[in-house]
């Protein structure tokens, strides 16, 4: 498929963004949990809130990437289907009736 390597690279980038977002969420949860476990933990939620904000940003970037790749692939599929239907309609073989031996082989 034309542009397949580029699409795959975009999808790999989106997967990396999702992985980063998951890691940031995990860190935010860890920081908030420390408050309940350790007396000397930072009681302010600023650190975890910042990590969750960054995680949301990464997820938004990943969603944008996925959407763009999906639209590209959808357009390519529609174009391929249109070309294929056009070839089928314009092909003289498409309108010809199968010969008797060919019809018997199918049965």
PDB file of N, CA and C in Angstrom:
ATOM      1  N   UNK A   1       0.833  -1.168   0.000  1.00  0.00           N
ATOM      2  CA  UNK A   1       0.000   0.000   0.000  1.00  0.00           C
ATOM      3  C   UNK A   1       0.884   1.239   0.000  1.00  0.00           C
ATOM      4  N   UNK A   2       0.541   2.168  -0.833  1.00  0.00           N
ATOM      5  CA  UNK A   2       1.301   3.406  -0.925  1.00  0.00           C
ATOM      6  C   UNK A   2       1.150   4.199   0.372  1.00  0.00           C
ATOM      7  N   UNK A   3       2.250   4.638   0.937  1.00  0.00           N
ATOM      8  CA  UNK A   3       2.206   5.396   2.184  1.00  0.00           C
ATOM      9  C   UNK A   3       2.006   4.538   3.419  1.00  0.00           C
ATOM     10  N   UNK A   4       2.071   3.232   3.263  1.00  0.00           N
ATOM     11  CA  UNK A   4       1.854   2.338   4.391  1.00  0.00           C
ATOM     12  C   UNK A   4       2.903   2.508   5.474  1.00  0.00           C
ATOM     13  N   UNK A   5       4.146   2.692   5.082  1.00  0.00           N
ATOM     14  CA  UNK A   5       5.224   2.861   6.065  1.00  0.00           C
ATOM     15  C   UNK A   5       5.015   4.143   6.866  1.00  0.00           C
ATOM     16  N   UNK A   6       4.569   5.185   6.195  1.00  0.00           N
ATOM     17  CA  UNK A   6       4.312   6.452   6.880  1.00  0.00           C
ATOM     18  C   UNK A   6       3.143   6.298   7.868  1.00  0.00           C
ATOM     19  N   UNK A   7       2.090   5.618   7.438  1.00  0.00           N
ATOM     20  CA  UNK A   7       0.947   5.391   8.332  1.00  0.00           C
ATOM     21  C   UNK A   7       1.368   4.575   9.542  1.00  0.00           C
ATOM     22  N   UNK A   8       2.185   3.564   9.309  1.00  0.00           N
ATOM     23  CA  UNK A   8       2.661   2.728  10.409  1.00  0.00           C
ATOM     24  C   UNK A   8       3.507   3.546  11.386  1.00  0.00           C
ATOM     25  N   UNK A   9       4.323   4.442  10.854  1.00  0.00           N
ATOM     26  CA  UNK A   9       5.143   5.299  11.719  1.00  0.00           C
ATOM     27  C   UNK A   9       4.262   6.215  12.568  1.00  0.00           C
ATOM     28  N   UNK A  10       3.205   6.760  11.965  1.00  0.00           N
ATOM     29  CA  UNK A  10       2.285   7.610  12.726  1.00  0.00           C
ATOM     30  C   UNK A  10       1.589   6.814  13.832  1.00  0.00           C
ATOM     31  N   UNK A  11       1.170   5.597  13.507  1.00  0.00           N
ATOM     32  CA  UNK A  11       0.518   4.759  14.517  1.00  0.00           C
ATOM     33  C   UNK A  11       1.484   4.399  15.642  1.00  0.00           C
ATOM     34  N   UNK A  12       2.720   4.122  15.301  1.00  0.00           N
ATOM     35  CA  UNK A  12       3.723   3.821  16.332  1.00  0.00           C
ATOM     36  C   UNK A  12       3.925   5.031  17.237  1.00  0.00           C
ATOM     37  N   UNK A  13       3.932   6.215  16.661  1.00  0.00           N
ATOM     38  CA  UNK A  13       4.051   7.438  17.457  1.00  0.00           C
ATOM     39  C   UNK A  13       2.870   7.617  18.386  1.00  0.00           C
ATOM     40  N   UNK A  14       1.670   7.332  17.882  1.00  0.00           N
ATOM     41  CA  UNK A  14       0.473   7.438  18.725  1.00  0.00           C
ATOM     42  C   UNK A  14       0.532   6.432  19.870  1.00  0.00           C
ATOM     43  N   UNK A  15       1.012   5.231  19.592  1.00  0.00           N
ATOM     44  CA  UNK A  15       1.152   4.215  20.650  1.00  0.00           C
ATOM     45  C   UNK A  15       2.145   4.688  21.713  1.00  0.00           C
ATOM     46  N   UNK A  16       3.215   5.321  21.282  1.00  0.00           N
ATOM     47  CA  UNK A  16       4.196   5.843  22.240  1.00  0.00           C
ATOM     48  C   UNK A  16       3.571   6.951  23.090  1.00  0.00           C
ATOM     49  N   UNK A  17       2.727   7.780  22.469  1.00  0.00           N
ATOM     50  CA  UNK A  17       2.055   8.836  23.222  1.00  0.00           C
ATOM     51  C   UNK A  17       1.108   8.244  24.269  1.00  0.00           C
ATOM     52  N   UNK A  18       0.409   7.193  23.906  1.00  0.00           N
ATOM     53  CA  UNK A  18      -0.496   6.540  24.849  1.00  0.00           C
ATOM     54  C   UNK A  18       0.298   5.912  25.993  1.00  0.00           C
ATOM     55  N   UNK A  19       1.425   5.313  25.666  1.00  0.00           N
ATOM     56  CA  UNK A  19       2.278   4.720  26.697  1.00  0.00           C
ATOM     57  C   UNK A  19       2.778   5.791  27.661  1.00  0.00           C
ATOM     58  N   UNK A  20       3.200   6.930  27.126  1.00  0.00           N
ATOM     59  CA  UNK A  20       3.656   8.032  27.970  1.00  0.00           C
ATOM     60  C   UNK A  20       2.510   8.527  28.853  1.00  0.00           C
ATOM     61  N   UNK A  21       1.323   8.670  28.272  1.00  0.00           N
ATOM     62  CA  UNK A  21       0.168   9.129  29.054  1.00  0.00           C
ATOM     63  C   UNK A  21      -0.140   8.153  30.187  1.00  0.00           C
ATOM     64  N   UNK A  22      -0.069   6.859  29.903  1.00  0.00           N
ATOM     65  CA  UNK A  22      -0.326   5.858  30.948  1.00  0.00           C
ATOM     66  C   UNK A  22       0.722   5.947  32.055  1.00  0.00           C
ATOM     67  N   UNK A  23       1.957   6.174  31.674  1.00  0.00           N
ATOM     68  CA  UNK A  23       3.026   6.310  32.662  1.00  0.00           C
ATOM     69  C   UNK A  23       2.805   7.537  33.534  1.00  0.00           C
ATOM     70  N   UNK A  24       2.406   8.644  32.916  1.00  0.00           N
ATOM     71  CA  UNK A  24       2.134   9.859  33.684  1.00  0.00           C
ATOM     72  C   UNK A  24       0.963   9.662  34.644  1.00  0.00           C
ATOM     73  N   UNK A  25      -0.064   8.958  34.201  1.00  0.00           N
ATOM     74  CA  UNK A  25      -1.193   8.652  35.092  1.00  0.00           C
ATOM     75  C   UNK A  25      -0.733   7.798  36.268  1.00  0.00           C
ATOM     76  N   UNK A  26       0.095   6.824  35.957  1.00  0.00           N
ATOM     77  CA  UNK A  26       0.622   5.959  37.011  1.00  0.00           C
ATOM     78  C   UNK A  26       1.436   6.766  38.025  1.00  0.00           C
ATOM     79  N   UNK A  27       2.265   7.671  37.557  1.00  0.00           N
ATOM     80  CA  UNK A  27       3.052   8.518  38.458  1.00  0.00           C
ATOM     81  C   UNK A  27       2.152   9.405  39.305  1.00  0.00           C
ATOM     82  N   UNK A  28       1.116   9.952  38.699  1.00  0.00           N
ATOM     83  CA  UNK A  28       0.198  10.813  39.448  1.00  0.00           C
ATOM     84  C   UNK A  28      -0.482  10.022  40.557  1.00  0.00           C
ATOM     85  N   UNK A  29      -0.912   8.828  40.245  1.00  0.00           N
ATOM     86  CA  UNK A  29      -1.549   7.981  41.256  1.00  0.00           C
ATOM     87  C   UNK A  29      -0.547   7.649  42.370  1.00  0.00           C
ATOM     88  N   UNK A  30       0.676   7.353  41.953  1.00  0.00           N
ATOM     89  CA  UNK A  30       1.728   7.030  42.936  1.00  0.00           C
ATOM     90  C   UNK A  30       1.966   8.212  43.882  1.00  0.00           C
ATOM     91  N   UNK A  31       2.071   9.408  43.326  1.00  0.00           N
ATOM     92  CA  UNK A  31       2.320  10.586  44.160  1.00  0.00           C
ATOM     93  C   UNK A  31       1.162  10.845  45.127  1.00  0.00           C
ATOM     94  N   UNK A  32      -0.061  10.650  44.649  1.00  0.00           N
ATOM     95  CA  UNK A  32      -1.213  10.865  45.541  1.00  0.00           C
ATOM     96  C   UNK A  32      -1.275   9.778  46.616  1.00  0.00           C
ATOM     97  N   UNK A  33      -0.876   8.573  46.277  1.00  0.00           N
ATOM     98  CA  UNK A  33      -0.888   7.476  47.250  1.00  0.00           C
ATOM     99  C   UNK A  33       0.163   7.695  48.330  1.00  0.00           C
ATOM    100  N   UNK A  34       1.283   8.311  47.979  1.00  0.00           N
ATOM    101  CA  UNK A  34       2.349   8.576  48.956  1.00  0.00           C
ATOM    102  C   UNK A  34       1.836   9.401  50.134  1.00  0.00           C
ATOM    103  N   UNK A  35       0.875  10.270  49.873  1.00  0.00           N
ATOM    104  CA  UNK A  35       0.337  11.118  50.935  1.00  0.00           C
ATOM    105  C   UNK A  35      -0.256  10.262  52.055  1.00  0.00           C
ATOM    106  N   UNK A  36      -0.889   9.186  51.671  1.00  0.00           N
ATOM    107  CA  UNK A  36      -1.527   8.321  52.663  1.00  0.00           C
ATOM    108  C   UNK A  36      -0.530   7.373  53.335  1.00  0.00           C
ATOM    109  N   UNK A  37       0.604   7.150  52.717  1.00  0.00           N
ATOM    110  CA  UNK A  37       1.569   6.181  53.250  1.00  0.00           C
ATOM    111  C   UNK A  37       2.707   6.808  54.044  1.00  0.00           C
ATOM    112  N   UNK A  38       3.127   7.997  53.655  1.00  0.00           N
ATOM    113  CA  UNK A  38       4.312   8.603  54.272  1.00  0.00           C
ATOM    114  C   UNK A  38       3.975   9.968  54.854  1.00  0.00           C
ATOM    115  N   UNK A  39       4.451  10.201  56.039  1.00  0.00           N
ATOM    116  CA  UNK A  39       4.181  11.484  56.695  1.00  0.00           C
ATOM    117  C   UNK A  39       4.912  12.642  56.033  1.00  0.00           C
ATOM    118  N   UNK A  40       6.080  12.381  55.461  1.00  0.00           N
ATOM    119  CA  UNK A  40       6.859  13.471  54.867  1.00  0.00           C
ATOM    120  C   UNK A  40       6.556  13.687  53.376  1.00  0.00           C
ATOM    121  N   UNK A  41       5.477  13.082  52.870  1.00  0.00           N
ATOM    122  CA  UNK A  41       5.111  13.249  51.453  1.00  0.00           C
ATOM    123  C   UNK A  41       4.530  14.636  51.224  1.00  0.00           C
ATOM    124  N   UNK A  42       4.675  15.108  50.013  1.00  0.00           N
ATOM    125  CA  UNK A  42       4.142  16.417  49.634  1.00  0.00           C
ATOM    126  C   UNK A  42       2.607  16.376  49.684  1.00  0.00           C
ATOM    127  N   UNK A  43       1.994  17.138  50.562  1.00  0.00           N
ATOM    128  CA  UNK A  43       0.539  17.068  50.699  1.00  0.00           C
ATOM    129  C   UNK A  43      -0.224  17.820  49.606  1.00  0.00           C
ATOM    130  N   UNK A  44       0.479  18.620  48.828  1.00  0.00           N
ATOM    131  CA  UNK A  44      -0.220  19.386  47.785  1.00  0.00           C
ATOM    132  C   UNK A  44      -0.405  18.522  46.540  1.00  0.00           C
ATOM    133  N   UNK A  45      -1.540  18.638  45.889  1.00  0.00           N
ATOM    134  CA  UNK A  45      -1.796  17.819  44.698  1.00  0.00           C
ATOM    135  C   UNK A  45      -1.204  18.407  43.414  1.00  0.00           C
ATOM    136  N   UNK A  46      -0.358  19.423  43.543  1.00  0.00           N
ATOM    137  CA  UNK A  46       0.156  20.099  42.343  1.00  0.00           C
ATOM    138  C   UNK A  46       0.935  19.156  41.427  1.00  0.00           C
ATOM    139  N   UNK A  47       1.787  18.318  42.004  1.00  0.00           N
ATOM    140  CA  UNK A  47       2.608  17.417  41.191  1.00  0.00           C
ATOM    141  C   UNK A  47       1.740  16.435  40.424  1.00  0.00           C
ATOM    142  N   UNK A  48       0.829  15.775  41.123  1.00  0.00           N
ATOM    143  CA  UNK A  48      -0.017  14.790  40.444  1.00  0.00           C
ATOM    144  C   UNK A  48      -0.968  15.471  39.471  1.00  0.00           C
ATOM    145  N   UNK A  49      -1.450  16.659  39.811  1.00  0.00           N
ATOM    146  CA  UNK A  49      -2.342  17.385  38.888  1.00  0.00           C
ATOM    147  C   UNK A  49      -1.605  17.741  37.608  1.00  0.00           C
ATOM    148  N   UNK A  50      -0.345  18.144  37.737  1.00  0.00           N
ATOM    149  CA  UNK A  50       0.450  18.473  36.551  1.00  0.00           C
ATOM    150  C   UNK A  50       0.675  17.229  35.694  1.00  0.00           C
ATOM    151  N   UNK A  51       0.953  16.112  36.340  1.00  0.00           N
ATOM    152  CA  UNK A  51       1.168  14.873  35.582  1.00  0.00           C
ATOM    153  C   UNK A  51      -0.111  14.432  34.883  1.00  0.00           C
ATOM    154  N   UNK A  52      -1.248  14.575  35.542  1.00  0.00           N
ATOM    155  CA  UNK A  52      -2.518  14.223  34.909  1.00  0.00           C
ATOM    156  C   UNK A  52      -2.837  15.158  33.739  1.00  0.00           C
ATOM    157  N   UNK A  53      -2.500  16.436  33.884  1.00  0.00           N
ATOM    158  CA  UNK A  53      -2.698  17.384  32.783  1.00  0.00           C
ATOM    159  C   UNK A  53      -1.843  16.991  31.580  1.00  0.00           C
ATOM    160  N   UNK A  54      -0.577  16.660  31.853  1.00  0.00           N
ATOM    161  CA  UNK A  54       0.314  16.226  30.768  1.00  0.00           C
ATOM    162  C   UNK A  54      -0.185  14.930  30.133  1.00  0.00           C
ATOM    163  N   UNK A  55      -0.699  14.015  30.946  1.00  0.00           N
ATOM    164  CA  UNK A  55      -1.249  12.758  30.427  1.00  0.00           C
ATOM    165  C   UNK A  55      -2.426  13.053  29.497  1.00  0.00           C
ATOM    166  N   UNK A  56      -3.286  13.975  29.905  1.00  0.00           N
ATOM    167  CA  UNK A  56      -4.420  14.364  29.055  1.00  0.00           C
ATOM    168  C   UNK A  56      -3.959  14.966  27.745  1.00  0.00           C
ATOM    169  N   UNK A  57      -2.922  15.789  27.792  1.00  0.00           N
ATOM    170  CA  UNK A  57      -2.371  16.380  26.569  1.00  0.00           C
ATOM    171  C   UNK A  57      -1.840  15.297  25.628  1.00  0.00           C
ATOM    172  N   UNK A  58      -1.115  14.324  26.192  1.00  0.00           N
ATOM    173  CA  UNK A  58      -0.567  13.241  25.366  1.00  0.00           C
ATOM    174  C   UNK A  58      -1.685  12.394  24.759  1.00  0.00           C
ATOM    175  N   UNK A  59      -2.712  12.123  25.542  1.00  0.00           N
ATOM    176  CA  UNK A  59      -3.841  11.348  25.011  1.00  0.00           C
ATOM    177  C   UNK A  59      -4.533  12.109  23.886  1.00  0.00           C
ATOM    178  N   UNK A  60      -4.637  13.432  24.025  1.00  0.00           N
ATOM    179  CA  UNK A  60      -5.256  14.245  22.971  1.00  0.00           C
ATOM    180  C   UNK A  60      -4.407  14.195  21.701  1.00  0.00           C
ATOM    181  N   UNK A  61      -3.095  14.272  21.842  1.00  0.00           N
ATOM    182  CA  UNK A  61      -2.210  14.173  20.672  1.00  0.00           C
ATOM    183  C   UNK A  61      -2.355  12.806  20.005  1.00  0.00           C
ATOM    184  N   UNK A  62      -2.406  11.758  20.821  1.00  0.00           N
ATOM    185  CA  UNK A  62      -2.563  10.407  20.273  1.00  0.00           C
ATOM    186  C   UNK A  62      -3.894  10.277  19.542  1.00  0.00           C
ATOM    187  N   UNK A  63      -4.956  10.817  20.115  1.00  0.00           N
ATOM    188  CA  UNK A  63      -6.276  10.753  19.463  1.00  0.00           C
ATOM    189  C   UNK A  63      -6.260  11.498  18.135  1.00  0.00           C
ATOM    190  N   UNK A  64      -5.593  12.638  18.101  1.00  0.00           N
ATOM    191  CA  UNK A  64      -5.487  13.409  16.858  1.00  0.00           C
ATOM    192  C   UNK A  64      -4.722  12.615  15.805  1.00  0.00           C
ATOM    193  N   UNK A  65      -3.645  11.963  16.219  1.00  0.00           N
ATOM    194  CA  UNK A  65      -2.859  11.151  15.292  1.00  0.00           C
ATOM    195  C   UNK A  65      -3.691   9.985  14.764  1.00  0.00           C
ATOM    196  N   UNK A  66      -4.361   9.270  15.661  1.00  0.00           N
ATOM    197  CA  UNK A  66      -5.205   8.148  15.233  1.00  0.00           C
ATOM    198  C   UNK A  66      -6.288   8.614  14.268  1.00  0.00           C
ATOM    199  N   UNK A  67      -6.921   9.736  14.567  1.00  0.00           N
ATOM    200  CA  UNK A  67      -7.983  10.259  13.710  1.00  0.00           C
ATOM    201  C   UNK A  67      -7.441  10.575  12.311  1.00  0.00           C
ATOM    202  N   UNK A  68      -6.281  11.214  12.259  1.00  0.00           N
ATOM    203  CA  UNK A  68      -5.695  11.573  10.958  1.00  0.00           C
ATOM    204  C   UNK A  68      -5.351  10.323  10.150  1.00  0.00           C
ATOM    205  N   UNK A  69      -4.752   9.326  10.802  1.00  0.00           N
ATOM    206  CA  UNK A  69      -4.402   8.091  10.089  1.00  0.00           C
ATOM    207  C   UNK A  69      -5.667   7.363   9.636  1.00  0.00           C
ATOM    208  N   UNK A  70      -6.679   7.318  10.480  1.00  0.00           N
ATOM    209  CA  UNK A  70      -7.939   6.656  10.116  1.00  0.00           C
ATOM    210  C   UNK A  70      -8.584   7.340   8.914  1.00  0.00           C
ATOM    211  N   UNK A  71      -8.555   8.662   8.882  1.00  0.00           N
ATOM    212  CA  UNK A  71      -9.124   9.384   7.747  1.00  0.00           C
ATOM    213  C   UNK A  71      -8.339   9.106   6.467  1.00  0.00           C
ATOM    214  N   UNK A  72      -7.008   9.076   6.575  1.00  0.00           N
ATOM    215  CA  UNK A  72      -6.180   8.766   5.403  1.00  0.00           C
ATOM    216  C   UNK A  72      -6.497   7.375   4.871  1.00  0.00           C
ATOM    217  N   UNK A  73      -6.541   6.401   5.785  1.00  0.00           N
ATOM    218  CA  UNK A  73      -6.804   5.032   5.355  1.00  0.00           C
ATOM    219  C   UNK A  73      -8.217   4.884   4.793  1.00  0.00           C
ATOM    220  N   UNK A  74      -9.164   5.594   5.362  1.00  0.00           N
ATOM    221  CA  UNK A  74     -10.538   5.551   4.868  1.00  0.00           C
ATOM    222  C   UNK A  74     -10.615   6.121   3.452  1.00  0.00           C
ATOM    223  N   UNK A  75      -9.924   7.244   3.221  1.00  0.00           N
ATOM    224  CA  UNK A  75      -9.908   7.832   1.870  1.00  0.00           C
ATOM    225  C   UNK A  75      -9.237   6.896   0.877  1.00  0.00           C
ATOM    226  N   UNK A  76      -8.138   6.264   1.300  1.00  0.00           N
ATOM    227  CA  UNK A  76      -7.451   5.325   0.400  1.00  0.00           C
ATOM    228  C   UNK A  76      -8.339   4.134   0.054  1.00  0.00           C
ATOM    229  N   UNK A  77      -9.035   3.621   1.049  1.00  0.00           N
ATOM    230  CA  UNK A  77      -9.925   2.491   0.819  1.00  0.00           C
ATOM    231  C   UNK A  77     -11.065   2.888  -0.111  1.00  0.00           C
ATOM    232  N   UNK A  78     -11.644   4.055   0.098  1.00  0.00           N
ATOM    233  CA  UNK A  78     -12.724   4.526  -0.767  1.00  0.00           C
ATOM    234  C   UNK A  78     -12.216   4.725  -2.195  1.00  0.00           C
ATOM    235  N   UNK A  79     -11.024   5.274  -2.336  1.00  0.00           N
ATOM    236  CA  UNK A  79     -10.438   5.487  -3.652  1.00  0.00           C
ATOM    237  C   UNK A  79     -10.170   4.157  -4.338  1.00  0.00           C
ATOM    238  N   UNK A  80      -9.634   3.206  -3.584  1.00  0.00           N
ATOM    239  CA  UNK A  80      -9.341   1.885  -4.142  1.00  0.00           C
ATOM    240  C   UNK A  80     -10.628   1.213  -4.607  1.00  0.00           C
ATOM    241  N   UNK A  81     -11.668   1.288  -3.773  1.00  0.00           N
ATOM    242  CA  UNK A  81     -12.953   0.665  -4.111  1.00  0.00           C
ATOM    243  C   UNK A  81     -13.557   1.313  -5.346  1.00  0.00           C
ATOM    244  N   UNK A  82     -13.486   2.626  -5.435  1.00  0.00           N
ATOM    245  CA  UNK A  82     -14.017   3.344  -6.594  1.00  0.00           C
ATOM    246  C   UNK A  82     -13.270   2.949  -7.861  1.00  0.00           C
ATOM    247  N   UNK A  83     -11.941   2.897  -7.777  1.00  0.00           N
ATOM    248  CA  UNK A  83     -11.145   2.501  -8.962  1.00  0.00           C
ATOM    249  C   UNK A  83     -11.482   1.076  -9.371  1.00  0.00           C
ATOM    250  N   UNK A  84     -11.608   0.194  -8.392  1.00  0.00           N
ATOM    251  CA  UNK A  84     -11.895  -1.208  -8.686  1.00  0.00           C
ATOM    252  C   UNK A  84     -13.269  -1.366  -9.341  1.00  0.00           C
ATOM    253  N   UNK A  85     -14.260  -0.643  -8.828  1.00  0.00           N
ATOM    254  CA  UNK A  85     -15.597  -0.694  -9.428  1.00  0.00           C
ATOM    255  C   UNK A  85     -15.564  -0.124 -10.841  1.00  0.00           C
ATOM    256  N   UNK A  86     -14.816   0.943 -11.046  1.00  0.00           N
ATOM    257  CA  UNK A  86     -14.687   1.528 -12.380  1.00  0.00           C
ATOM    258  C   UNK A  86     -14.054   0.567 -13.357  1.00  0.00           C
ATOM    259  N   UNK A  87     -13.029  -0.142 -12.917  1.00  0.00           N
ATOM    260  CA  UNK A  87     -12.383  -1.129 -13.772  1.00  0.00           C
ATOM    261  C   UNK A  87     -13.335  -2.275 -14.081  1.00  0.00           C
ATOM    262  N   UNK A  88     -14.100  -2.680 -13.105  1.00  0.00           N
ATOM    263  CA  UNK A  88     -15.035  -3.781 -13.296  1.00  0.00           C
ATOM    264  C   UNK A  88     -16.115  -3.400 -14.308  1.00  0.00           C
ATOM    265  N   UNK A  89     -16.601  -2.161 -14.243  1.00  0.00           N
ATOM    266  CA  UNK A  89     -17.648  -1.703 -15.167  1.00  0.00           C
ATOM    267  C   UNK A  89     -17.121  -1.527 -16.582  1.00  0.00           C
ATOM    268  N   UNK A  90     -15.881  -1.050 -16.694  1.00  0.00           N
ATOM    269  CA  UNK A  90     -15.345  -0.761 -18.017  1.00  0.00           C
ATOM    270  C   UNK A  90     -14.719  -1.979 -18.684  1.00  0.00           C
ATOM    271  N   UNK A  91     -14.489  -3.030 -17.952  1.00  0.00           N
ATOM    272  CA  UNK A  91     -13.864  -4.226 -18.501  1.00  0.00           C
ATOM    273  C   UNK A  91     -14.861  -4.992 -19.373  1.00  0.00           C
ATOM    274  N   UNK A  92     -14.468  -5.346 -20.602  1.00  0.00           N
ATOM    275  CA  UNK A  92     -15.375  -6.103 -21.466  1.00  0.00           C
ATOM    276  C   UNK A  92     -15.665  -7.491 -20.891  1.00  0.00           C
ATOM    277  N   UNK A  93     -14.754  -8.032 -20.121  1.00  0.00           N
ATOM    278  CA  UNK A  93     -14.963  -9.350 -19.538  1.00  0.00           C
ATOM    279  C   UNK A  93     -16.040  -9.316 -18.457  1.00  0.00           C
ATOM    280  N   UNK A  94     -16.238  -8.165 -17.866  1.00  0.00           N
ATOM    281  CA  UNK A  94     -17.225  -8.061 -16.803  1.00  0.00           C
ATOM    282  C   UNK A  94     -18.640  -8.235 -17.332  1.00  0.00           C
ATOM    283  N   UNK A  95     -18.855  -7.872 -18.622  1.00  0.00           N
ATOM    284  CA  UNK A  95     -20.186  -7.952 -19.204  1.00  0.00           C
ATOM    285  C   UNK A  95     -20.400  -9.247 -19.983  1.00  0.00           C
ATOM    286  N   UNK A  96     -19.332  -9.966 -20.242  1.00  0.00           N
ATOM    287  CA  UNK A  96     -19.455 -11.200 -21.023  1.00  0.00           C
ATOM    288  C   UNK A  96     -20.036 -12.315 -20.170  1.00  0.00           C
ATOM    289  N   UNK A  97     -20.877 -13.142 -20.798  1.00  0.00           N
ATOM    290  CA  UNK A  97     -21.443 -14.286 -20.079  1.00  0.00           C
ATOM    291  C   UNK A  97     -20.405 -15.400 -20.060  1.00  0.00           C
ATOM    292  N   UNK A  98     -20.352 -16.156 -18.966  1.00  0.00           N
ATOM    293  CA  UNK A  98     -19.357 -17.239 -18.912  1.00  0.00           C
ATOM    294  C   UNK A  98     -19.729 -18.332 -19.911  1.00  0.00           C
ATOM    295  N   UNK A  99     -18.720 -18.950 -20.448  1.00  0.00           N
ATOM    296  CA  UNK A  99     -18.957 -20.030 -21.405  1.00  0.00           C
ATOM    297  C   UNK A  99     -19.583 -21.224 -20.669  1.00  0.00           C
ATOM    298  N   UNK A 100     -20.168 -22.120 -21.426  1.00  0.00           N
ATOM    299  CA  UNK A 100     -20.843 -23.270 -20.818  1.00  0.00           C
ATOM    300  C   UNK A 100     -19.879 -24.107 -19.960  1.00  0.00           C
ATOM    301  N   UNK A 101     -18.640 -24.407 -20.418  1.00  0.00           N
ATOM    302  CA  UNK A 101     -17.742 -25.194 -19.565  1.00  0.00           C
ATOM    303  C   UNK A 101     -17.416 -24.457 -18.261  1.00  0.00           C
ATOM    304  N   UNK A 102     -17.254 -23.143 -18.325  1.00  0.00           N
ATOM    305  CA  UNK A 102     -16.943 -22.379 -17.116  1.00  0.00           C
ATOM    306  C   UNK A 102     -18.130 -22.417 -16.160  1.00  0.00           C
ATOM    307  N   UNK A 103     -19.346 -22.337 -16.692  1.00  0.00           N
ATOM    308  CA  UNK A 103     -20.526 -22.378 -15.842  1.00  0.00           C
ATOM    309  C   UNK A 103     -20.655 -23.745 -15.171  1.00  0.00           C
ATOM    310  N   UNK A 104     -20.311 -24.798 -15.906  1.00  0.00           N
ATOM    311  CA  UNK A 104     -20.378 -26.141 -15.303  1.00  0.00           C
ATOM    312  C   UNK A 104     -19.346 -26.330 -14.209  1.00  0.00           C
ATOM    313  N   UNK A 105     -18.160 -25.745 -14.391  1.00  0.00           N
ATOM    314  CA  UNK A 105     -17.111 -25.868 -13.372  1.00  0.00           C
ATOM    315  C   UNK A 105     -17.524 -25.216 -12.071  1.00  0.00           C
ATOM    316  N   UNK A 106     -18.271 -24.120 -12.141  1.00  0.00           N
ATOM    317  CA  UNK A 106     -18.710 -23.428 -10.928  1.00  0.00           C
ATOM    318  C   UNK A 106     -19.774 -24.206 -10.177  1.00  0.00           C
ATOM    319  N   UNK A 107     -20.556 -24.969 -10.877  1.00  0.00           N
ATOM    320  CA  UNK A 107     -21.663 -25.698 -10.250  1.00  0.00           C
ATOM    321  C   UNK A 107     -21.226 -26.881  -9.464  1.00  0.00           C
TER     322      UNK A 107
END
